C-alpha atoms as a PDB file:
ATOM      1  CA  MET A   1     -18.144  34.398 -70.814  1.00  0.00           C
ATOM      2  CA  GLU A   2     -21.520  33.943 -68.147  1.00  0.00           C
ATOM      3  CA  PRO A   3     -22.908  36.869 -67.180  1.00  0.00           C
ATOM      4  CA  VAL A   4     -21.121  38.913 -63.814  1.00  0.00           C
ATOM      5  CA  PHE A   5     -22.887  40.838 -61.026  1.00  0.00           C
ATOM      6  CA  ILE A   6     -20.717  43.429 -59.547  1.00  0.00           C
ATOM      7  CA  THR A   7     -19.597  42.757 -55.528  1.00  0.00           C
ATOM      8  CA  ARG A   8     -17.132  45.236 -54.833  1.00  0.00           C
ATOM      9  CA  ILE A   9     -16.537  48.975 -56.437  1.00  0.00           C
ATOM     10  CA  GLU A  10     -12.730  49.999 -54.673  1.00  0.00           C
ATOM     11  CA  LEU A  11     -10.000  52.855 -54.985  1.00  0.00           C
ATOM     12  CA  ILE A  12      -6.708  50.975 -54.474  1.00  0.00           C
ATOM     13  CA  ASN A  13      -3.033  51.941 -54.844  1.00  0.00           C
ATOM     14  CA  SER A  14      -1.842  50.124 -57.970  1.00  0.00           C
ATOM     15  CA  LYS A  15       1.462  48.517 -58.209  1.00  0.00           C
ATOM     16  CA  HIS A  16       2.459  50.879 -60.392  1.00  0.00           C
ATOM     17  CA  GLY A  17       1.693  54.409 -58.192  1.00  0.00           C
ATOM     18  CA  ASN A  18      -1.322  55.582 -59.029  1.00  0.00           C
ATOM     19  CA  GLU A  19      -5.129  54.787 -58.018  1.00  0.00           C
ATOM     20  CA  VAL A  20      -6.804  52.713 -59.479  1.00  0.00           C
ATOM     21  CA  ILE A  21     -10.338  50.921 -59.579  1.00  0.00           C
ATOM     22  CA  GLU A  22     -11.025  47.740 -58.372  1.00  0.00           C
ATOM     23  CA  VAL A  23     -14.058  46.136 -59.764  1.00  0.00           C
ATOM     24  CA  LYS A  24     -14.697  42.434 -58.589  1.00  0.00           C
ATOM     25  CA  PHE A  25     -17.625  40.087 -60.170  1.00  0.00           C
ATOM     26  CA  LYS A  26     -19.159  37.305 -59.316  1.00  0.00           C
ATOM     27  CA  GLY A  27     -20.933  34.337 -61.688  1.00  0.00           C
ATOM     28  CA  ILE A  28     -24.059  34.128 -61.474  1.00  0.00           C
ATOM     29  CA  LYS A  29     -24.164  30.320 -63.195  1.00  0.00           C
ATOM     30  CA  THR A  30     -20.636  29.349 -61.617  1.00  0.00           C
ATOM     31  CA  HIS A  31     -20.592  31.458 -58.568  1.00  0.00           C
ATOM     32  CA  ASN A  32     -16.821  32.295 -59.815  1.00  0.00           C
ATOM     33  CA  SER A  33     -14.805  35.130 -58.958  1.00  0.00           C
ATOM     34  CA  TYR A  34     -13.376  37.694 -61.127  1.00  0.00           C
ATOM     35  CA  VAL A  35     -11.696  41.644 -60.964  1.00  0.00           C
ATOM     36  CA  THR A  36     -10.635  43.753 -62.975  1.00  0.00           C
ATOM     37  CA  TRP A  37      -8.482  47.229 -61.931  1.00  0.00           C
ATOM     38  CA  ILE A  38     -10.020  49.869 -63.971  1.00  0.00           C
ATOM     39  CA  ASP A  39      -7.502  53.825 -64.669  1.00  0.00           C
ATOM     40  CA  PRO A  40      -9.777  56.789 -64.897  1.00  0.00           C
ATOM     41  CA  THR A  41      -6.795  57.898 -67.017  1.00  0.00           C
ATOM     42  CA  TYR A  42      -7.338  55.028 -69.725  1.00  0.00           C
ATOM     43  CA  LYS A  43      -9.195  55.560 -72.762  1.00  0.00           C
ATOM     44  CA  ASN A  44     -10.876  52.184 -71.972  1.00  0.00           C
ATOM     45  CA  TRP A  45     -12.227  53.833 -69.023  1.00  0.00           C
ATOM     46  CA  SER A  46     -15.249  55.122 -71.147  1.00  0.00           C
ATOM     47  CA  ASN A  47     -16.104  51.659 -71.568  1.00  0.00           C
ATOM     48  CA  TRP A  48     -16.741  51.398 -67.508  1.00  0.00           C
ATOM     49  CA  GLN A  49     -17.029  54.888 -66.229  1.00  0.00           C
ATOM     50  CA  HIS A  50     -21.060  54.629 -66.020  1.00  0.00           C
ATOM     51  CA  ILE A  51     -21.251  50.886 -64.618  1.00  0.00           C
ATOM     52  CA  ILE A  52     -18.661  52.121 -61.723  1.00  0.00           C
ATOM     53  CA  GLU A  53     -20.900  55.727 -60.800  1.00  0.00           C
ATOM     54  CA  VAL A  54     -24.007  53.262 -60.738  1.00  0.00           C
ATOM     55  CA  GLY A  55     -22.241  50.509 -59.150  1.00  0.00           C
ATOM     56  CA  ASN A  56     -21.412  52.204 -56.268  1.00  0.00           C
ATOM     57  CA  THR A  57     -25.211  52.703 -55.311  1.00  0.00           C
ATOM     58  CA  LYS A  58     -27.293  50.122 -57.298  1.00  0.00           C
ATOM     59  CA  GLY A  59     -26.821  46.285 -57.622  1.00  0.00           C
ATOM     60  CA  ILE A  60     -25.372  45.823 -61.830  1.00  0.00           C
ATOM     61  CA  VAL A  61     -25.569  43.041 -64.027  1.00  0.00           C
ATOM     62  CA  LEU A  62     -23.102  42.355 -66.644  1.00  0.00           C
ATOM     63  CA  SER A  63     -22.635  40.507 -69.768  1.00  0.00           C
ATOM     64  CA  ASN A  64     -19.879  40.374 -73.071  1.00  0.00           C
ATOM     65  CA  ILE A  65     -17.047  40.198 -70.257  1.00  0.00           C
ATOM     66  CA  LYS A  66     -14.252  38.944 -71.528  1.00  0.00           C
ATOM     67  CA  LEU A  67     -11.271  37.352 -69.793  1.00  0.00           C
ATOM     68  CA  LYS A  68      -7.489  38.228 -70.017  1.00  0.00           C
ATOM     69  CA  ASP A  69      -6.373  35.490 -67.727  1.00  0.00           C
ATOM     70  CA  VAL A  70      -8.940  32.645 -67.325  1.00  0.00           C
ATOM     71  CA  GLU A  71      -7.218  31.065 -64.707  1.00  0.00           C
ATOM     72  CA  LYS A  72      -7.149  33.960 -62.240  1.00  0.00           C
ATOM     73  CA  GLY A  73     -10.113  34.963 -62.891  1.00  0.00           C
ATOM     74  CA  VAL A  74      -8.946  38.553 -64.502  1.00  0.00           C
ATOM     75  CA  VAL A  75     -11.509  40.705 -66.110  1.00  0.00           C
ATOM     76  CA  ASN A  76     -10.027  42.412 -69.354  1.00  0.00           C
ATOM     77  CA  ALA A  77     -10.573  45.739 -68.644  1.00  0.00           C
ATOM     78  CA  ASP A  78     -10.675  46.471 -72.568  1.00  0.00           C
ATOM     79  CA  CYS A  79     -14.094  44.553 -73.038  1.00  0.00           C
ATOM     80  CA  GLU A  80     -16.943  46.232 -73.573  1.00  0.00           C
ATOM     81  CA  PRO A  81     -19.027  45.059 -70.829  1.00  0.00           C
ATOM     82  CA  LYS A  82     -22.951  45.761 -71.912  1.00  0.00           C
ATOM     83  CA  LEU A  83     -25.461  46.652 -68.648  1.00  0.00           C
ATOM     84  CA  GLU A  84     -27.808  43.841 -68.298  1.00  0.00           C
ATOM     85  CA  CYS A  85     -29.853  44.753 -65.248  1.00  0.00           C
ATOM     86  CA  VAL A  86     -29.690  47.646 -62.960  1.00  0.00           C
ATOM     87  CA  VAL A  87     -31.528  47.472 -59.745  1.00  0.00           C
ATOM     88  CA  THR A  88     -31.066  47.707 -55.759  1.00  0.00           C
ATOM     89  CA  PHE A  89     -28.986  45.616 -54.313  1.00  0.00           C
ATOM     90  CA  GLU A  90     -31.965  44.758 -52.484  1.00  0.00           C
ATOM     91  CA  VAL A  91     -33.631  43.642 -54.962  1.00  0.00           C
ATOM     92  CA  LEU A  92     -30.457  42.049 -56.697  1.00  0.00           C
ATOM     93  CA  ALA A  93     -30.129  39.813 -53.796  1.00  0.00           C
ATOM     94  CA  GLU A  94     -33.649  38.569 -54.193  1.00  0.00           C
ATOM     95  CA  LEU A  95     -33.312  37.815 -58.069  1.00  0.00           C
ATOM     96  CA  LEU A  96     -30.607  36.006 -57.798  1.00  0.00           C
ATOM     97  CA  GLY A  97     -31.368  34.466 -54.450  1.00  0.00           C
ATOM     98  CA  ASP A  98     -34.670  33.165 -57.181  1.00  0.00           C
ATOM     99  CA  TYR A  99     -32.503  31.943 -59.924  1.00  0.00           C
ATOM    100  CA  TRP A 100     -30.083  30.030 -57.340  1.00  0.00           C
ATOM    101  CA  ASP A 101     -32.917  28.589 -55.726  1.00  0.00           C
ATOM    102  CA  ASN A 102     -34.874  27.261 -58.887  1.00  0.00           C
ATOM    103  CA  GLN A 103     -31.511  25.982 -60.770  1.00  0.00           C
ATOM    104  CA  ASP A 104     -30.753  23.931 -57.085  1.00  0.00           C
ATOM    105  CA  ASN A 105     -34.404  22.823 -57.582  1.00  0.00           C
ATOM    106  CA  PHE A 106     -33.848  21.524 -60.999  1.00  0.00           C
ATOM    107  CA  ASN A 107     -30.714  19.606 -60.176  1.00  0.00           C
ATOM    108  CA  ARG A 108     -31.961  18.097 -57.341  1.00  0.00           C
ATOM    109  CA  MET A 109     -34.857  16.799 -59.633  1.00  0.00           C
ATOM    110  CA  PHE A 110     -32.980  16.082 -62.770  1.00  0.00           C
ATOM    111  CA  GLY A 111     -29.346  16.478 -62.647  1.00  0.00           C
ATOM    112  CA  THR A 112     -27.222  18.352 -64.133  1.00  0.00           C
ATOM    113  CA  ASP A 113     -25.845  18.144 -67.393  1.00  0.00           C
ATOM    114  CA  ASP A 114     -23.453  21.312 -66.693  1.00  0.00           C
END
């Protein structure tokens, strides 16, 4: 799956009655939206704890994300995400804007194959 950046981290009530952390993502190349729910009492918390702690104050890009439900854009919470980039929110917005502008300029000149 493509690299993603975190767009929102929020503590919510789950449908099972406990609180979970909802993490929303956006695909860097496709702009597709993705979501996962992390329960701090589950074993996979160790894969996400640092990401969630840092993601509350910094912009984060992740790779090695696996989908559980492709049609719904649900990320498998049991995957082991890899931190690719940790910067301020402002720097991340600037980097993504530059990347998207360059892709748009390239596509206008040469068309798209993907």
